[in-house]
């Protein structure tokens, strides 16, 4: 397994913290990013404490977003969609492999639903690629449960679907998926298919509310 230096932007939130924990548990060096280092550092300490005694675990540190990106090989965007474009525009992403797990969702009294991005012709992942054209953006980890990521199971019993236009970048995300599910991620097609993956999370939220579970996706036939 290749080990990476991974900056998790949004690393103080449940999804970012959980993914950072899983990556570090399997030997990757993780930098949790936040708007201020003072906010990221205590969360990094919490993850580090959780990893105590885990053989081969990587290091976890906390930095301001730009410093985290500069120190990393791979950048994971795990931020809310509100303010996403403005934040991405401030990050030094040129030359980086960027993994977006951002889900543009909205909530009303009928429940969660996907937000329309660029009139239905775009997604958060595609927006990140447009804003940072010298980076290589893929979409992955949209549908994994933050509760399970921080849970006690060795691996999540689900699949990670990866979309992107550059094979080598997709392979990075697919390899990282093994730290979460014990299985290499699934190449699910081009980056534009993030338009389907991102709002599908609203379907899982609906299932979770109905059945009081934390559901995920499994692909049969492979």
N, C-alpha and C. Protein backbone atom coordinates (compact mmCIF):
# COMPACT_ATOMS: atom_id res chain seq x y z
N UNK A 1 0.83 -1.19 0.00
CA UNK A 1 0.00 0.00 0.00
C UNK A 1 0.87 1.25 0.00
N UNK A 2 0.59 2.17 -0.89
CA UNK A 2 1.25 3.47 -0.88
C UNK A 2 0.75 4.27 0.31
N UNK A 3 1.65 4.96 1.00
CA UNK A 3 1.20 5.84 2.09
C UNK A 3 1.27 7.27 1.60
N UNK A 4 0.28 8.05 1.98
CA UNK A 4 0.14 9.42 1.51
C UNK A 4 0.12 10.39 2.69
N UNK A 5 0.46 11.64 2.37
CA UNK A 5 0.21 12.75 3.29
C UNK A 5 -1.09 13.39 2.85
N UNK A 6 -2.10 13.30 3.69
CA UNK A 6 -3.46 13.68 3.30
C UNK A 6 -3.92 14.87 4.13
N UNK A 7 -4.27 15.95 3.46
CA UNK A 7 -4.89 17.09 4.13
C UNK A 7 -6.40 16.92 4.06
N UNK A 8 -7.05 16.92 5.21
CA UNK A 8 -8.51 16.82 5.26
C UNK A 8 -9.06 18.21 5.56
N UNK A 9 -9.59 18.86 4.53
CA UNK A 9 -10.16 20.20 4.70
C UNK A 9 -11.61 20.02 5.16
N UNK A 10 -11.90 20.54 6.33
CA UNK A 10 -13.15 20.20 7.01
C UNK A 10 -12.89 19.07 8.00
N UNK A 11 -11.64 18.97 8.43
CA UNK A 11 -11.23 17.87 9.29
C UNK A 11 -11.77 17.92 10.70
N UNK A 12 -12.40 19.02 11.08
CA UNK A 12 -12.99 19.09 12.42
C UNK A 12 -14.45 18.65 12.42
N UNK A 13 -15.03 18.44 11.24
CA UNK A 13 -16.41 17.96 11.16
C UNK A 13 -16.47 16.45 11.26
N UNK A 14 -17.66 15.88 11.46
CA UNK A 14 -17.79 14.43 11.65
C UNK A 14 -17.24 13.60 10.49
N UNK A 15 -17.54 13.99 9.24
CA UNK A 15 -17.07 13.21 8.10
C UNK A 15 -15.56 13.31 7.95
N UNK A 16 -15.05 14.53 8.04
CA UNK A 16 -13.60 14.72 7.90
C UNK A 16 -12.82 14.05 9.00
N UNK A 17 -13.29 14.19 10.23
CA UNK A 17 -12.59 13.56 11.36
C UNK A 17 -12.62 12.05 11.23
N UNK A 18 -13.77 11.50 10.84
CA UNK A 18 -13.88 10.06 10.71
C UNK A 18 -13.01 9.50 9.61
N UNK A 19 -12.98 10.15 8.47
CA UNK A 19 -12.11 9.69 7.38
C UNK A 19 -10.65 9.85 7.75
N UNK A 20 -10.30 10.97 8.39
CA UNK A 20 -8.93 11.16 8.84
C UNK A 20 -8.49 10.05 9.78
N UNK A 21 -9.37 9.67 10.70
CA UNK A 21 -9.08 8.58 11.63
C UNK A 21 -8.83 7.28 10.88
N UNK A 22 -9.69 6.97 9.93
CA UNK A 22 -9.54 5.72 9.18
C UNK A 22 -8.25 5.70 8.36
N UNK A 23 -7.92 6.82 7.73
CA UNK A 23 -6.69 6.87 6.94
C UNK A 23 -5.46 6.72 7.84
N UNK A 24 -5.43 7.44 8.95
CA UNK A 24 -4.28 7.36 9.85
C UNK A 24 -4.16 5.98 10.48
N UNK A 25 -5.27 5.33 10.74
CA UNK A 25 -5.26 3.99 11.32
C UNK A 25 -4.53 3.02 10.43
N UNK A 26 -4.50 3.29 9.13
CA UNK A 26 -3.86 2.40 8.17
C UNK A 26 -2.57 2.99 7.62
N UNK A 27 -1.93 3.85 8.40
CA UNK A 27 -0.56 4.24 8.12
C UNK A 27 -0.34 5.52 7.36
N UNK A 28 -1.40 6.19 6.95
CA UNK A 28 -1.25 7.46 6.23
C UNK A 28 -1.01 8.60 7.22
N UNK A 29 -0.28 9.59 6.79
CA UNK A 29 -0.09 10.80 7.60
C UNK A 29 -1.23 11.76 7.28
N UNK A 30 -1.91 12.21 8.31
CA UNK A 30 -3.12 13.01 8.13
C UNK A 30 -2.95 14.38 8.77
N UNK A 31 -3.35 15.41 8.03
CA UNK A 31 -3.35 16.77 8.55
C UNK A 31 -4.79 17.26 8.51
N UNK A 32 -5.37 17.49 9.66
CA UNK A 32 -6.74 18.01 9.73
C UNK A 32 -6.69 19.52 9.57
N UNK A 33 -7.40 20.01 8.58
CA UNK A 33 -7.40 21.44 8.30
C UNK A 33 -8.65 22.12 8.80
N UNK A 34 -8.47 23.37 9.23
CA UNK A 34 -9.59 24.21 9.63
C UNK A 34 -9.23 25.65 9.29
N UNK A 35 -10.19 26.53 9.44
CA UNK A 35 -9.90 27.94 9.13
C UNK A 35 -8.83 28.49 10.05
N UNK A 36 -8.73 27.93 11.26
CA UNK A 36 -7.70 28.33 12.21
C UNK A 36 -7.06 27.08 12.79
N UNK A 37 -5.74 27.10 12.90
CA UNK A 37 -5.03 25.94 13.45
C UNK A 37 -5.50 25.62 14.85
N UNK A 38 -5.87 26.65 15.62
CA UNK A 38 -6.29 26.45 17.00
C UNK A 38 -7.55 25.58 17.09
N UNK A 39 -8.35 25.58 16.04
CA UNK A 39 -9.54 24.73 16.03
C UNK A 39 -9.20 23.30 15.62
N UNK A 40 -8.23 23.15 14.73
CA UNK A 40 -7.88 21.83 14.22
C UNK A 40 -7.04 21.02 15.21
N UNK A 41 -6.19 21.69 15.96
CA UNK A 41 -5.23 20.99 16.82
C UNK A 41 -5.88 20.11 17.89
N UNK A 42 -6.92 20.57 18.61
CA UNK A 42 -7.53 19.68 19.60
C UNK A 42 -8.23 18.47 18.98
N UNK A 43 -8.79 18.63 17.79
CA UNK A 43 -9.41 17.49 17.11
C UNK A 43 -8.35 16.49 16.69
N UNK A 44 -7.20 16.99 16.20
CA UNK A 44 -6.09 16.10 15.87
C UNK A 44 -5.62 15.34 17.10
N UNK A 45 -5.59 16.01 18.25
CA UNK A 45 -5.19 15.35 19.49
C UNK A 45 -6.18 14.26 19.87
N UNK A 46 -7.48 14.52 19.63
CA UNK A 46 -8.52 13.52 19.92
C UNK A 46 -8.32 12.28 19.05
N UNK A 47 -8.05 12.49 17.76
CA UNK A 47 -7.84 11.36 16.85
C UNK A 47 -6.57 10.60 17.25
N UNK A 48 -5.51 11.34 17.56
CA UNK A 48 -4.26 10.72 17.98
C UNK A 48 -4.47 9.84 19.20
N UNK A 49 -5.25 10.34 20.16
CA UNK A 49 -5.54 9.55 21.36
C UNK A 49 -6.30 8.28 21.01
N UNK A 50 -7.22 8.39 20.06
CA UNK A 50 -7.99 7.21 19.63
C UNK A 50 -7.09 6.16 18.99
N UNK A 51 -5.98 6.60 18.39
CA UNK A 51 -5.07 5.69 17.69
C UNK A 51 -4.00 5.10 18.59
N UNK A 52 -3.98 5.49 19.85
CA UNK A 52 -2.96 4.99 20.77
C UNK A 52 -2.98 3.46 20.81
N UNK A 53 -1.84 2.87 20.60
CA UNK A 53 -1.74 1.41 20.62
C UNK A 53 -2.02 0.74 19.29
N UNK A 54 -2.42 1.49 18.26
CA UNK A 54 -2.66 0.91 16.94
C UNK A 54 -1.32 0.78 16.22
N UNK A 55 -0.91 -0.44 15.97
CA UNK A 55 0.38 -0.68 15.34
C UNK A 55 0.39 -0.16 13.91
N UNK A 56 1.43 0.60 13.57
CA UNK A 56 1.59 1.11 12.21
C UNK A 56 0.76 2.33 11.89
N UNK A 57 0.10 2.92 12.87
CA UNK A 57 -0.74 4.09 12.61
C UNK A 57 0.12 5.27 12.17
N UNK A 58 -0.45 6.10 11.32
CA UNK A 58 0.23 7.31 10.88
C UNK A 58 0.03 8.44 11.88
N UNK A 59 0.69 9.53 11.61
CA UNK A 59 0.58 10.70 12.47
C UNK A 59 -0.65 11.52 12.10
N UNK A 60 -1.16 12.27 13.08
CA UNK A 60 -2.29 13.17 12.85
C UNK A 60 -1.93 14.52 13.46
N UNK A 61 -2.05 15.57 12.68
CA UNK A 61 -1.77 16.92 13.16
C UNK A 61 -2.87 17.85 12.70
N UNK A 62 -2.89 19.05 13.25
CA UNK A 62 -3.89 20.04 12.88
C UNK A 62 -3.22 21.32 12.41
N UNK A 63 -3.71 21.89 11.33
CA UNK A 63 -3.15 23.12 10.77
C UNK A 63 -4.27 23.97 10.18
N UNK A 64 -3.95 25.22 9.90
CA UNK A 64 -4.84 26.05 9.10
C UNK A 64 -4.93 25.47 7.70
N UNK A 65 -6.05 25.68 7.04
CA UNK A 65 -6.32 25.03 5.75
C UNK A 65 -5.18 25.15 4.75
N UNK A 66 -4.70 26.36 4.50
CA UNK A 66 -3.68 26.55 3.47
C UNK A 66 -2.39 25.83 3.82
N UNK A 67 -2.01 25.84 5.09
CA UNK A 67 -0.80 25.14 5.52
C UNK A 67 -0.98 23.64 5.37
N UNK A 68 -2.17 23.15 5.67
CA UNK A 68 -2.44 21.72 5.53
C UNK A 68 -2.31 21.28 4.08
N UNK A 69 -2.88 22.06 3.15
CA UNK A 69 -2.81 21.72 1.73
C UNK A 69 -1.36 21.75 1.25
N UNK A 70 -0.62 22.76 1.64
CA UNK A 70 0.76 22.89 1.19
C UNK A 70 1.61 21.71 1.64
N UNK A 71 1.28 21.10 2.77
CA UNK A 71 2.09 20.02 3.33
C UNK A 71 1.67 18.64 2.82
N UNK A 72 0.65 18.57 1.98
CA UNK A 72 0.05 17.28 1.63
C UNK A 72 0.28 16.91 0.17
N UNK A 73 0.15 15.60 -0.09
CA UNK A 73 0.14 15.07 -1.46
C UNK A 73 -1.29 15.00 -2.00
N UNK A 74 -2.21 14.64 -1.10
CA UNK A 74 -3.61 14.43 -1.45
C UNK A 74 -4.46 15.32 -0.56
N UNK A 75 -5.48 15.93 -1.13
CA UNK A 75 -6.37 16.82 -0.38
C UNK A 75 -7.78 16.26 -0.44
N UNK A 76 -8.38 16.08 0.73
CA UNK A 76 -9.77 15.64 0.81
C UNK A 76 -10.63 16.83 1.20
N UNK A 77 -11.63 17.14 0.39
CA UNK A 77 -12.58 18.20 0.70
C UNK A 77 -13.79 17.58 1.38
N UNK A 78 -13.96 17.90 2.66
CA UNK A 78 -15.08 17.35 3.45
C UNK A 78 -15.78 18.51 4.15
N UNK A 79 -16.17 19.50 3.37
CA UNK A 79 -16.74 20.73 3.92
C UNK A 79 -18.21 20.84 3.53
N UNK A 80 -18.98 21.65 4.24
CA UNK A 80 -20.36 21.90 3.82
C UNK A 80 -20.39 22.58 2.45
N UNK A 81 -21.48 22.35 1.73
CA UNK A 81 -21.57 22.96 0.40
C UNK A 81 -21.71 24.48 0.49
N UNK A 82 -22.40 24.97 1.49
CA UNK A 82 -22.49 26.42 1.66
C UNK A 82 -21.09 26.98 1.90
N UNK A 83 -20.66 27.89 1.06
CA UNK A 83 -19.34 28.46 1.16
C UNK A 83 -18.25 27.64 0.49
N UNK A 84 -18.63 26.52 -0.12
CA UNK A 84 -17.66 25.61 -0.75
C UNK A 84 -16.82 26.31 -1.81
N UNK A 85 -17.46 26.98 -2.75
CA UNK A 85 -16.73 27.57 -3.87
C UNK A 85 -15.76 28.64 -3.39
N UNK A 86 -16.21 29.45 -2.45
CA UNK A 86 -15.35 30.52 -1.94
C UNK A 86 -14.13 29.95 -1.23
N UNK A 87 -14.33 28.86 -0.47
CA UNK A 87 -13.20 28.24 0.23
C UNK A 87 -12.22 27.61 -0.74
N UNK A 88 -12.73 26.85 -1.70
CA UNK A 88 -11.85 26.17 -2.66
C UNK A 88 -10.98 27.19 -3.40
N UNK A 89 -11.54 28.35 -3.70
CA UNK A 89 -10.80 29.38 -4.43
C UNK A 89 -9.60 29.91 -3.64
N UNK A 90 -9.61 29.73 -2.31
CA UNK A 90 -8.52 30.24 -1.49
C UNK A 90 -7.41 29.22 -1.26
N UNK A 91 -7.61 27.97 -1.66
CA UNK A 91 -6.67 26.90 -1.33
C UNK A 91 -5.62 26.73 -2.42
N UNK A 92 -4.36 26.46 -2.06
CA UNK A 92 -3.29 26.26 -3.05
C UNK A 92 -3.29 24.83 -3.59
N UNK A 93 -4.26 24.52 -4.46
CA UNK A 93 -4.51 23.15 -4.89
C UNK A 93 -3.76 22.75 -6.15
N UNK A 94 -3.07 23.65 -6.80
CA UNK A 94 -2.38 23.33 -8.06
C UNK A 94 -1.44 22.15 -7.87
N UNK A 95 -1.54 21.17 -8.76
CA UNK A 95 -0.67 20.01 -8.72
C UNK A 95 -1.10 18.92 -7.76
N UNK A 96 -2.18 19.13 -7.01
CA UNK A 96 -2.62 18.17 -6.00
C UNK A 96 -3.71 17.24 -6.58
N UNK A 97 -3.74 16.02 -6.05
CA UNK A 97 -4.91 15.16 -6.24
C UNK A 97 -5.93 15.54 -5.18
N UNK A 98 -7.12 15.93 -5.62
CA UNK A 98 -8.17 16.42 -4.72
C UNK A 98 -9.34 15.45 -4.76
N UNK A 99 -9.74 14.98 -3.59
CA UNK A 99 -10.89 14.08 -3.47
C UNK A 99 -12.02 14.86 -2.82
N UNK A 100 -13.13 14.97 -3.52
CA UNK A 100 -14.29 15.68 -2.99
C UNK A 100 -15.32 14.69 -2.50
N UNK A 101 -15.73 14.85 -1.23
CA UNK A 101 -16.88 14.07 -0.73
C UNK A 101 -18.01 15.02 -0.32
N UNK A 102 -18.01 16.20 -0.92
CA UNK A 102 -18.99 17.24 -0.60
C UNK A 102 -20.34 16.89 -1.21
N UNK A 103 -21.39 16.99 -0.40
CA UNK A 103 -22.74 16.69 -0.86
C UNK A 103 -23.61 17.95 -0.79
N UNK A 104 -24.00 18.50 -1.93
CA UNK A 104 -24.92 19.66 -1.91
C UNK A 104 -26.34 19.19 -1.57
N UNK A 105 -26.69 19.34 -0.31
CA UNK A 105 -28.00 18.90 0.16
C UNK A 105 -28.79 20.06 0.75
N UNK A 106 -30.08 19.90 0.77
CA UNK A 106 -30.96 20.86 1.44
C UNK A 106 -31.96 20.06 2.27
N UNK A 107 -32.55 20.72 3.25
CA UNK A 107 -33.49 20.05 4.15
C UNK A 107 -34.73 20.93 4.32
N UNK A 108 -35.88 20.29 4.29
CA UNK A 108 -37.12 20.98 4.60
C UNK A 108 -37.99 20.03 5.41
N UNK A 109 -39.25 20.39 5.63
CA UNK A 109 -40.09 19.56 6.49
C UNK A 109 -40.40 18.20 5.87
N UNK A 110 -40.10 18.03 4.58
CA UNK A 110 -40.29 16.73 3.93
C UNK A 110 -39.03 15.87 3.99
N UNK A 111 -37.92 16.46 4.49
CA UNK A 111 -36.70 15.69 4.63
C UNK A 111 -35.57 16.23 3.78
N UNK A 112 -34.53 15.41 3.60
CA UNK A 112 -33.35 15.80 2.83
C UNK A 112 -33.62 15.64 1.34
N UNK A 113 -32.98 16.50 0.56
CA UNK A 113 -33.04 16.36 -0.90
C UNK A 113 -31.80 17.00 -1.50
N UNK A 114 -31.47 16.60 -2.73
CA UNK A 114 -30.30 17.14 -3.39
C UNK A 114 -30.56 18.54 -3.92
N UNK A 115 -29.57 19.40 -3.80
CA UNK A 115 -29.66 20.74 -4.35
C UNK A 115 -29.24 20.72 -5.82
N UNK A 116 -29.86 21.55 -6.62
CA UNK A 116 -29.51 21.65 -8.03
C UNK A 116 -28.28 22.54 -8.17
N UNK A 117 -27.25 22.02 -8.82
CA UNK A 117 -26.00 22.75 -9.02
C UNK A 117 -25.87 23.07 -10.51
N UNK A 118 -25.62 24.33 -10.81
CA UNK A 118 -25.44 24.78 -12.20
C UNK A 118 -26.56 24.30 -13.11
N UNK A 119 -27.79 24.47 -12.64
CA UNK A 119 -28.95 24.12 -13.45
C UNK A 119 -29.05 22.64 -13.78
N UNK A 120 -28.44 21.79 -12.93
CA UNK A 120 -28.46 20.35 -13.17
C UNK A 120 -27.31 19.86 -14.01
N UNK A 121 -26.44 20.78 -14.44
CA UNK A 121 -25.30 20.42 -15.29
C UNK A 121 -23.98 20.44 -14.52
N UNK A 122 -24.04 20.35 -13.18
CA UNK A 122 -22.81 20.41 -12.40
C UNK A 122 -22.96 19.71 -11.07
N UNK A 123 -21.87 19.73 -10.31
CA UNK A 123 -21.80 19.09 -8.99
C UNK A 123 -20.75 19.83 -8.19
N UNK A 124 -20.67 19.52 -6.90
CA UNK A 124 -19.63 20.13 -6.08
C UNK A 124 -18.24 19.75 -6.59
N UNK A 125 -18.07 18.48 -6.97
CA UNK A 125 -16.77 18.03 -7.46
C UNK A 125 -16.38 18.76 -8.74
N UNK A 126 -17.34 18.92 -9.65
CA UNK A 126 -17.05 19.63 -10.89
C UNK A 126 -16.77 21.10 -10.64
N UNK A 127 -17.45 21.68 -9.66
CA UNK A 127 -17.18 23.07 -9.31
C UNK A 127 -15.75 23.22 -8.80
N UNK A 128 -15.31 22.27 -7.95
CA UNK A 128 -13.94 22.33 -7.45
C UNK A 128 -12.94 22.23 -8.59
N UNK A 129 -13.22 21.37 -9.58
CA UNK A 129 -12.30 21.25 -10.72
C UNK A 129 -12.28 22.52 -11.55
N UNK A 130 -13.43 23.15 -11.71
CA UNK A 130 -13.48 24.40 -12.47
C UNK A 130 -12.72 25.51 -11.75
N UNK A 131 -12.87 25.58 -10.44
CA UNK A 131 -12.22 26.64 -9.67
C UNK A 131 -10.72 26.42 -9.57
N UNK A 132 -10.31 25.13 -9.52
CA UNK A 132 -8.88 24.79 -9.39
C UNK A 132 -8.45 23.94 -10.57
N UNK A 133 -8.33 24.54 -11.76
CA UNK A 133 -8.08 23.75 -12.97
C UNK A 133 -6.72 23.06 -13.00
N UNK A 134 -5.77 23.51 -12.18
CA UNK A 134 -4.45 22.87 -12.17
C UNK A 134 -4.37 21.74 -11.15
N UNK A 135 -5.46 21.47 -10.46
CA UNK A 135 -5.58 20.29 -9.61
C UNK A 135 -6.28 19.19 -10.40
N UNK A 136 -6.25 17.97 -9.86
CA UNK A 136 -7.00 16.86 -10.45
C UNK A 136 -8.03 16.40 -9.43
N UNK A 137 -9.29 16.61 -9.74
CA UNK A 137 -10.37 16.36 -8.78
C UNK A 137 -11.08 15.05 -9.11
N UNK A 138 -11.30 14.26 -8.08
CA UNK A 138 -12.16 13.09 -8.19
C UNK A 138 -13.22 13.18 -7.10
N UNK A 139 -14.29 12.45 -7.28
CA UNK A 139 -15.34 12.37 -6.27
C UNK A 139 -15.34 10.99 -5.63
N UNK A 140 -15.41 10.93 -4.30
CA UNK A 140 -15.43 9.65 -3.59
C UNK A 140 -15.88 9.88 -2.15
N UNK A 141 -16.24 8.82 -1.46
CA UNK A 141 -16.61 8.84 -0.04
C UNK A 141 -17.85 9.68 0.24
N UNK A 142 -18.70 9.90 -0.77
CA UNK A 142 -19.90 10.70 -0.56
C UNK A 142 -20.90 10.03 0.38
N UNK A 143 -20.96 8.71 0.32
CA UNK A 143 -22.09 8.00 0.91
C UNK A 143 -21.73 7.17 2.13
N UNK A 144 -20.52 7.35 2.67
CA UNK A 144 -20.14 6.59 3.87
C UNK A 144 -20.63 7.32 5.12
N UNK A 145 -21.03 6.54 6.11
CA UNK A 145 -21.63 7.10 7.32
C UNK A 145 -20.57 7.65 8.26
N UNK A 146 -20.74 8.90 8.67
CA UNK A 146 -19.82 9.50 9.64
C UNK A 146 -19.87 8.75 10.96
N UNK A 147 -21.05 8.25 11.34
CA UNK A 147 -21.19 7.49 12.58
C UNK A 147 -20.34 6.23 12.52
N UNK A 148 -20.39 5.51 11.40
CA UNK A 148 -19.61 4.29 11.26
C UNK A 148 -18.12 4.59 11.13
N UNK A 149 -17.77 5.69 10.49
CA UNK A 149 -16.35 6.04 10.35
C UNK A 149 -15.68 6.18 11.71
N UNK A 150 -16.38 6.76 12.66
CA UNK A 150 -15.83 6.97 14.00
C UNK A 150 -16.16 5.80 14.93
N UNK A 151 -16.83 4.78 14.40
CA UNK A 151 -17.25 3.66 15.22
C UNK A 151 -16.14 2.66 15.48
N UNK A 152 -16.52 1.54 16.10
CA UNK A 152 -15.54 0.56 16.57
C UNK A 152 -15.27 -0.57 15.59
N UNK A 153 -16.06 -0.70 14.54
CA UNK A 153 -15.83 -1.77 13.57
C UNK A 153 -14.50 -1.55 12.85
N UNK A 154 -13.81 -2.66 12.58
CA UNK A 154 -12.53 -2.54 11.87
C UNK A 154 -12.73 -1.91 10.50
N UNK A 155 -13.80 -2.31 9.82
CA UNK A 155 -14.08 -1.78 8.49
C UNK A 155 -15.58 -1.56 8.33
N UNK A 156 -15.94 -0.69 7.41
CA UNK A 156 -17.34 -0.46 7.07
C UNK A 156 -17.76 -1.48 6.03
N UNK A 157 -18.95 -2.03 6.18
CA UNK A 157 -19.45 -3.05 5.27
C UNK A 157 -20.19 -2.39 4.11
N UNK A 158 -19.44 -1.70 3.29
CA UNK A 158 -20.02 -1.01 2.14
C UNK A 158 -18.94 -0.76 1.11
N UNK A 159 -19.33 -0.20 -0.02
CA UNK A 159 -18.40 0.11 -1.11
C UNK A 159 -18.25 1.61 -1.27
N UNK A 160 -17.08 2.02 -1.73
CA UNK A 160 -16.81 3.42 -2.05
C UNK A 160 -16.78 3.56 -3.57
N UNK A 161 -17.66 4.40 -4.09
CA UNK A 161 -17.72 4.66 -5.53
C UNK A 161 -16.87 5.88 -5.84
N UNK A 162 -16.04 5.78 -6.88
CA UNK A 162 -15.09 6.82 -7.22
C UNK A 162 -15.34 7.27 -8.66
N UNK A 163 -15.48 8.58 -8.85
CA UNK A 163 -15.69 9.13 -10.19
C UNK A 163 -14.61 10.16 -10.49
N UNK A 164 -14.21 10.24 -11.75
CA UNK A 164 -13.19 11.20 -12.13
C UNK A 164 -12.80 11.02 -13.59
N UNK A 165 -12.06 11.97 -14.09
CA UNK A 165 -11.67 11.95 -15.50
C UNK A 165 -10.22 11.52 -15.70
N UNK A 166 -9.46 11.34 -14.61
CA UNK A 166 -8.05 10.96 -14.70
C UNK A 166 -7.87 9.65 -13.95
N UNK A 167 -7.45 8.61 -14.66
CA UNK A 167 -7.38 7.27 -14.08
C UNK A 167 -6.45 7.24 -12.87
N UNK A 168 -5.29 7.87 -12.98
CA UNK A 168 -4.31 7.81 -11.89
C UNK A 168 -4.86 8.43 -10.61
N UNK A 169 -5.60 9.51 -10.73
CA UNK A 169 -6.18 10.15 -9.55
C UNK A 169 -7.27 9.28 -8.95
N UNK A 170 -8.07 8.64 -9.80
CA UNK A 170 -9.09 7.73 -9.28
C UNK A 170 -8.45 6.57 -8.53
N UNK A 171 -7.30 6.11 -9.02
CA UNK A 171 -6.64 4.99 -8.35
C UNK A 171 -6.19 5.36 -6.95
N UNK A 172 -5.81 6.62 -6.74
CA UNK A 172 -5.44 7.08 -5.40
C UNK A 172 -6.64 6.94 -4.46
N UNK A 173 -7.78 7.45 -4.88
CA UNK A 173 -8.98 7.37 -4.05
C UNK A 173 -9.43 5.93 -3.85
N UNK A 174 -9.31 5.13 -4.88
CA UNK A 174 -9.71 3.72 -4.78
C UNK A 174 -8.83 2.98 -3.78
N UNK A 175 -7.53 3.28 -3.78
CA UNK A 175 -6.63 2.66 -2.81
C UNK A 175 -6.94 3.12 -1.39
N UNK A 176 -7.22 4.41 -1.22
CA UNK A 176 -7.56 4.92 0.10
C UNK A 176 -8.85 4.30 0.63
N UNK A 177 -9.74 3.92 -0.27
CA UNK A 177 -11.00 3.31 0.16
C UNK A 177 -10.76 2.03 0.95
N UNK A 178 -9.67 1.33 0.66
CA UNK A 178 -9.39 0.08 1.36
C UNK A 178 -9.17 0.31 2.85
N UNK A 179 -8.73 1.51 3.23
CA UNK A 179 -8.55 1.83 4.65
C UNK A 179 -9.90 1.95 5.36
N UNK A 180 -10.96 2.13 4.60
CA UNK A 180 -12.29 2.33 5.17
C UNK A 180 -13.13 1.06 5.11
N UNK A 181 -13.06 0.35 3.99
CA UNK A 181 -13.95 -0.79 3.77
C UNK A 181 -13.23 -2.13 3.67
N UNK A 182 -11.90 -2.13 3.64
CA UNK A 182 -11.04 -3.30 3.40
C UNK A 182 -11.04 -3.71 1.94
N UNK A 183 -11.78 -2.99 1.10
CA UNK A 183 -11.83 -3.30 -0.33
C UNK A 183 -11.43 -2.07 -1.13
N UNK A 184 -10.75 -2.31 -2.24
CA UNK A 184 -10.43 -1.21 -3.14
C UNK A 184 -11.73 -0.59 -3.63
N UNK A 185 -11.74 0.74 -3.77
CA UNK A 185 -12.93 1.41 -4.26
C UNK A 185 -13.28 1.01 -5.68
N UNK A 186 -14.48 1.34 -6.08
CA UNK A 186 -15.01 0.96 -7.39
C UNK A 186 -14.96 2.15 -8.33
N UNK A 187 -14.35 1.95 -9.50
CA UNK A 187 -14.34 2.99 -10.53
C UNK A 187 -15.74 3.09 -11.12
N UNK A 188 -16.41 4.20 -10.80
CA UNK A 188 -17.82 4.36 -11.19
C UNK A 188 -18.02 5.27 -12.39
N UNK A 189 -16.91 5.72 -13.02
CA UNK A 189 -17.08 6.49 -14.24
C UNK A 189 -16.49 7.89 -14.16
N UNK A 190 -16.97 8.76 -15.03
CA UNK A 190 -16.43 10.10 -15.20
C UNK A 190 -16.88 11.04 -14.08
N UNK A 191 -16.18 12.16 -13.98
CA UNK A 191 -16.43 13.12 -12.92
C UNK A 191 -17.86 13.63 -12.95
N UNK A 192 -18.44 13.75 -14.12
CA UNK A 192 -19.80 14.29 -14.21
C UNK A 192 -20.82 13.42 -13.48
N UNK A 193 -20.48 12.16 -13.21
CA UNK A 193 -21.41 11.30 -12.49
C UNK A 193 -21.48 11.64 -11.01
N UNK A 194 -20.63 12.55 -10.55
CA UNK A 194 -20.82 13.11 -9.20
C UNK A 194 -22.19 13.77 -9.08
N UNK A 195 -22.77 14.17 -10.20
CA UNK A 195 -24.11 14.77 -10.18
C UNK A 195 -25.15 13.78 -9.65
N UNK A 196 -24.89 12.48 -9.79
CA UNK A 196 -25.78 11.47 -9.24
C UNK A 196 -25.34 11.00 -7.85
N UNK A 197 -24.04 10.86 -7.64
CA UNK A 197 -23.54 10.35 -6.36
C UNK A 197 -23.81 11.32 -5.21
N UNK A 198 -23.59 12.61 -5.45
CA UNK A 198 -23.72 13.58 -4.36
C UNK A 198 -25.15 13.63 -3.79
N UNK A 199 -26.17 13.83 -4.62
CA UNK A 199 -27.53 13.91 -4.04
C UNK A 199 -28.07 12.57 -3.59
N UNK A 200 -27.45 11.45 -4.00
CA UNK A 200 -27.94 10.15 -3.55
C UNK A 200 -27.84 10.01 -2.04
N UNK A 201 -26.95 10.78 -1.43
CA UNK A 201 -26.84 10.77 0.02
C UNK A 201 -28.17 11.11 0.68
N UNK A 202 -28.98 11.95 0.03
CA UNK A 202 -30.30 12.28 0.57
C UNK A 202 -31.18 11.03 0.66
N UNK A 203 -31.03 10.11 -0.28
CA UNK A 203 -31.79 8.86 -0.24
C UNK A 203 -31.38 8.04 0.99
N UNK A 204 -30.07 7.97 1.25
CA UNK A 204 -29.60 7.23 2.42
C UNK A 204 -30.09 7.88 3.71
N UNK A 205 -30.11 9.19 3.76
CA UNK A 205 -30.63 9.88 4.94
C UNK A 205 -32.10 9.52 5.17
N UNK A 206 -32.86 9.45 4.10
CA UNK A 206 -34.26 9.07 4.21
C UNK A 206 -34.40 7.64 4.73
N UNK A 207 -33.58 6.73 4.23
CA UNK A 207 -33.59 5.34 4.71
C UNK A 207 -33.23 5.30 6.19
N UNK A 208 -32.21 6.07 6.55
CA UNK A 208 -31.77 6.08 7.95
C UNK A 208 -32.88 6.54 8.89
N UNK A 209 -33.61 7.56 8.48
CA UNK A 209 -34.71 8.07 9.32
C UNK A 209 -35.83 7.03 9.45
N UNK A 210 -36.12 6.36 8.34
CA UNK A 210 -37.21 5.40 8.33
C UNK A 210 -36.91 4.18 9.18
N UNK A 211 -35.66 3.65 9.05
CA UNK A 211 -35.33 2.37 9.67
C UNK A 211 -34.42 2.50 10.88
N UNK A 212 -34.07 3.74 11.25
CA UNK A 212 -33.22 3.99 12.42
C UNK A 212 -31.88 3.24 12.30
N UNK A 213 -31.21 3.44 11.14
CA UNK A 213 -29.94 2.78 10.85
C UNK A 213 -28.96 3.81 10.31
N UNK A 214 -27.75 3.37 9.98
CA UNK A 214 -26.78 4.18 9.27
C UNK A 214 -26.39 3.40 8.02
N UNK A 215 -27.12 3.62 6.95
CA UNK A 215 -27.03 2.77 5.76
C UNK A 215 -25.86 3.16 4.87
N UNK A 216 -25.48 2.24 4.01
CA UNK A 216 -24.44 2.48 3.02
C UNK A 216 -24.78 1.79 1.72
N UNK A 217 -23.82 1.78 0.80
CA UNK A 217 -24.04 1.21 -0.54
C UNK A 217 -23.14 0.00 -0.73
N UNK A 218 -23.70 -1.10 -1.24
CA UNK A 218 -22.92 -2.25 -1.69
C UNK A 218 -23.27 -2.51 -3.15
N UNK A 219 -22.26 -2.79 -3.95
CA UNK A 219 -22.44 -3.09 -5.37
C UNK A 219 -22.27 -4.60 -5.56
N UNK A 220 -23.29 -5.25 -6.12
CA UNK A 220 -23.21 -6.70 -6.38
C UNK A 220 -22.74 -6.94 -7.80
N UNK A 221 -22.30 -8.16 -8.05
CA UNK A 221 -21.95 -8.58 -9.41
C UNK A 221 -20.51 -8.35 -9.80
N UNK A 222 -19.69 -7.77 -8.92
CA UNK A 222 -18.28 -7.55 -9.24
C UNK A 222 -17.44 -8.67 -8.66
